[in-house]
């Protein structure tokens, strides 16, 4: 479980920019570059090219996160 202090720091560091770099998306999702590239390739995260660099709209990332299924964190005995 994440402490309140760590959670607050994480929320404060969350970018509010409308366009995010692939690295910012990777950090927010807590996944590697390969996973972000897969999400882009499969169309789950559309990209915008800006100055030769890929950017992802904040709204698209937020929509993707909302679409993820909720899971129970404590499954108990199997």
C-alpha atoms as a PDB file:
ATOM      1  CA  UNK A   1       0.000   0.000   0.000  1.00  0.00           C
ATOM      2  CA  UNK A   2       1.308   3.467  -0.862  1.00  0.00           C
ATOM      3  CA  UNK A   3       1.724   5.927   2.003  1.00  0.00           C
ATOM      4  CA  UNK A   4      -0.258   9.175   1.913  1.00  0.00           C
ATOM      5  CA  UNK A   5       2.980  11.128   1.618  1.00  0.00           C
ATOM      6  CA  UNK A   6       4.162   9.120  -1.408  1.00  0.00           C
ATOM      7  CA  UNK A   7       0.715   9.309  -3.015  1.00  0.00           C
ATOM      8  CA  UNK A   8       0.603  13.102  -2.571  1.00  0.00           C
ATOM      9  CA  UNK A   9       4.090  13.452  -4.055  1.00  0.00           C
ATOM     10  CA  UNK A  10       3.071  11.295  -6.997  1.00  0.00           C
ATOM     11  CA  UNK A  11      -0.074  13.357  -7.609  1.00  0.00           C
ATOM     12  CA  UNK A  12       1.857  16.623  -7.351  1.00  0.00           C
ATOM     13  CA  UNK A  13       4.424  15.431  -9.887  1.00  0.00           C
ATOM     14  CA  UNK A  14       1.675  14.452 -12.360  1.00  0.00           C
ATOM     15  CA  UNK A  15       1.942  16.651 -15.404  1.00  0.00           C
ATOM     16  CA  UNK A  16      -1.025  18.830 -16.266  1.00  0.00           C
ATOM     17  CA  UNK A  17       0.298  19.569 -19.755  1.00  0.00           C
ATOM     18  CA  UNK A  18      -2.201  18.793 -22.500  1.00  0.00           C
ATOM     19  CA  UNK A  19       0.495  16.900 -24.439  1.00  0.00           C
ATOM     20  CA  UNK A  20       2.722  14.332 -22.749  1.00  0.00           C
ATOM     21  CA  UNK A  21       5.954  12.749 -23.882  1.00  0.00           C
ATOM     22  CA  UNK A  22       6.154   8.981 -24.200  1.00  0.00           C
ATOM     23  CA  UNK A  23       8.423   8.942 -21.141  1.00  0.00           C
ATOM     24  CA  UNK A  24       5.865  10.881 -19.080  1.00  0.00           C
ATOM     25  CA  UNK A  25       3.164   8.413 -20.133  1.00  0.00           C
ATOM     26  CA  UNK A  26       5.436   5.500 -19.250  1.00  0.00           C
ATOM     27  CA  UNK A  27       6.047   6.880 -15.759  1.00  0.00           C
ATOM     28  CA  UNK A  28       2.376   7.659 -15.131  1.00  0.00           C
ATOM     29  CA  UNK A  29       1.304   4.160 -16.119  1.00  0.00           C
ATOM     30  CA  UNK A  30       4.229   2.535 -14.319  1.00  0.00           C
ATOM     31  CA  UNK A  31       5.150   0.467 -17.371  1.00  0.00           C
ATOM     32  CA  UNK A  32       8.110   0.171 -19.695  1.00  0.00           C
ATOM     33  CA  UNK A  33       8.697   1.743 -23.072  1.00  0.00           C
ATOM     34  CA  UNK A  34       7.796  -1.517 -24.830  1.00  0.00           C
ATOM     35  CA  UNK A  35       4.294  -1.455 -23.312  1.00  0.00           C
ATOM     36  CA  UNK A  36       3.728   2.191 -24.251  1.00  0.00           C
ATOM     37  CA  UNK A  37       4.884   1.451 -27.803  1.00  0.00           C
ATOM     38  CA  UNK A  38       2.428  -1.470 -27.923  1.00  0.00           C
ATOM     39  CA  UNK A  39      -0.428   0.769 -26.741  1.00  0.00           C
ATOM     40  CA  UNK A  40       0.471   3.297 -29.441  1.00  0.00           C
ATOM     41  CA  UNK A  41       0.836   0.631 -32.150  1.00  0.00           C
ATOM     42  CA  UNK A  42      -2.529  -0.939 -31.318  1.00  0.00           C
ATOM     43  CA  UNK A  43      -4.299   2.437 -31.219  1.00  0.00           C
ATOM     44  CA  UNK A  44      -5.123   2.496 -27.509  1.00  0.00           C
ATOM     45  CA  UNK A  45      -3.002   5.644 -27.188  1.00  0.00           C
ATOM     46  CA  UNK A  46      -3.118   7.842 -30.307  1.00  0.00           C
ATOM     47  CA  UNK A  47      -0.042   9.999 -30.882  1.00  0.00           C
ATOM     48  CA  UNK A  48       0.551  13.452 -32.287  1.00  0.00           C
ATOM     49  CA  UNK A  49       3.863  14.237 -33.933  1.00  0.00           C
ATOM     50  CA  UNK A  50       5.305  17.541 -32.755  1.00  0.00           C
ATOM     51  CA  UNK A  51       8.797  18.606 -33.757  1.00  0.00           C
ATOM     52  CA  UNK A  52       9.659  15.044 -34.762  1.00  0.00           C
ATOM     53  CA  UNK A  53       8.635  13.672 -31.361  1.00  0.00           C
ATOM     54  CA  UNK A  54       5.620  11.651 -30.347  1.00  0.00           C
ATOM     55  CA  UNK A  55       3.199  13.274 -27.929  1.00  0.00           C
ATOM     56  CA  UNK A  56       0.069  11.838 -26.344  1.00  0.00           C
ATOM     57  CA  UNK A  57      -2.912  13.953 -25.395  1.00  0.00           C
ATOM     58  CA  UNK A  58      -3.565  14.010 -21.643  1.00  0.00           C
ATOM     59  CA  UNK A  59      -7.264  13.361 -22.387  1.00  0.00           C
ATOM     60  CA  UNK A  60      -6.397  10.195 -24.364  1.00  0.00           C
ATOM     61  CA  UNK A  61      -4.245   8.894 -21.512  1.00  0.00           C
ATOM     62  CA  UNK A  62      -6.985   9.652 -18.980  1.00  0.00           C
ATOM     63  CA  UNK A  63      -9.568   7.880 -21.170  1.00  0.00           C
ATOM     64  CA  UNK A  64      -7.315   4.829 -21.464  1.00  0.00           C
ATOM     65  CA  UNK A  65      -6.840   4.706 -17.686  1.00  0.00           C
ATOM     66  CA  UNK A  66     -10.603   4.973 -17.097  1.00  0.00           C
ATOM     67  CA  UNK A  67     -11.180   2.097 -19.538  1.00  0.00           C
ATOM     68  CA  UNK A  68      -8.988  -0.297 -17.559  1.00  0.00           C
ATOM     69  CA  UNK A  69     -10.956  -2.907 -15.634  1.00  0.00           C
ATOM     70  CA  UNK A  70     -10.909  -2.630 -11.867  1.00  0.00           C
ATOM     71  CA  UNK A  71      -9.321  -5.565 -10.076  1.00  0.00           C
ATOM     72  CA  UNK A  72      -9.504  -6.707  -6.510  1.00  0.00           C
ATOM     73  CA  UNK A  73      -6.219  -6.191  -4.707  1.00  0.00           C
ATOM     74  CA  UNK A  74      -6.880  -8.945  -2.155  1.00  0.00           C
ATOM     75  CA  UNK A  75      -8.020 -12.106  -3.855  1.00  0.00           C
ATOM     76  CA  UNK A  76      -7.852 -14.316  -0.778  1.00  0.00           C
ATOM     77  CA  UNK A  77      -7.360 -18.064  -0.940  1.00  0.00           C
ATOM     78  CA  UNK A  78      -7.708 -19.750  -4.295  1.00  0.00           C
END
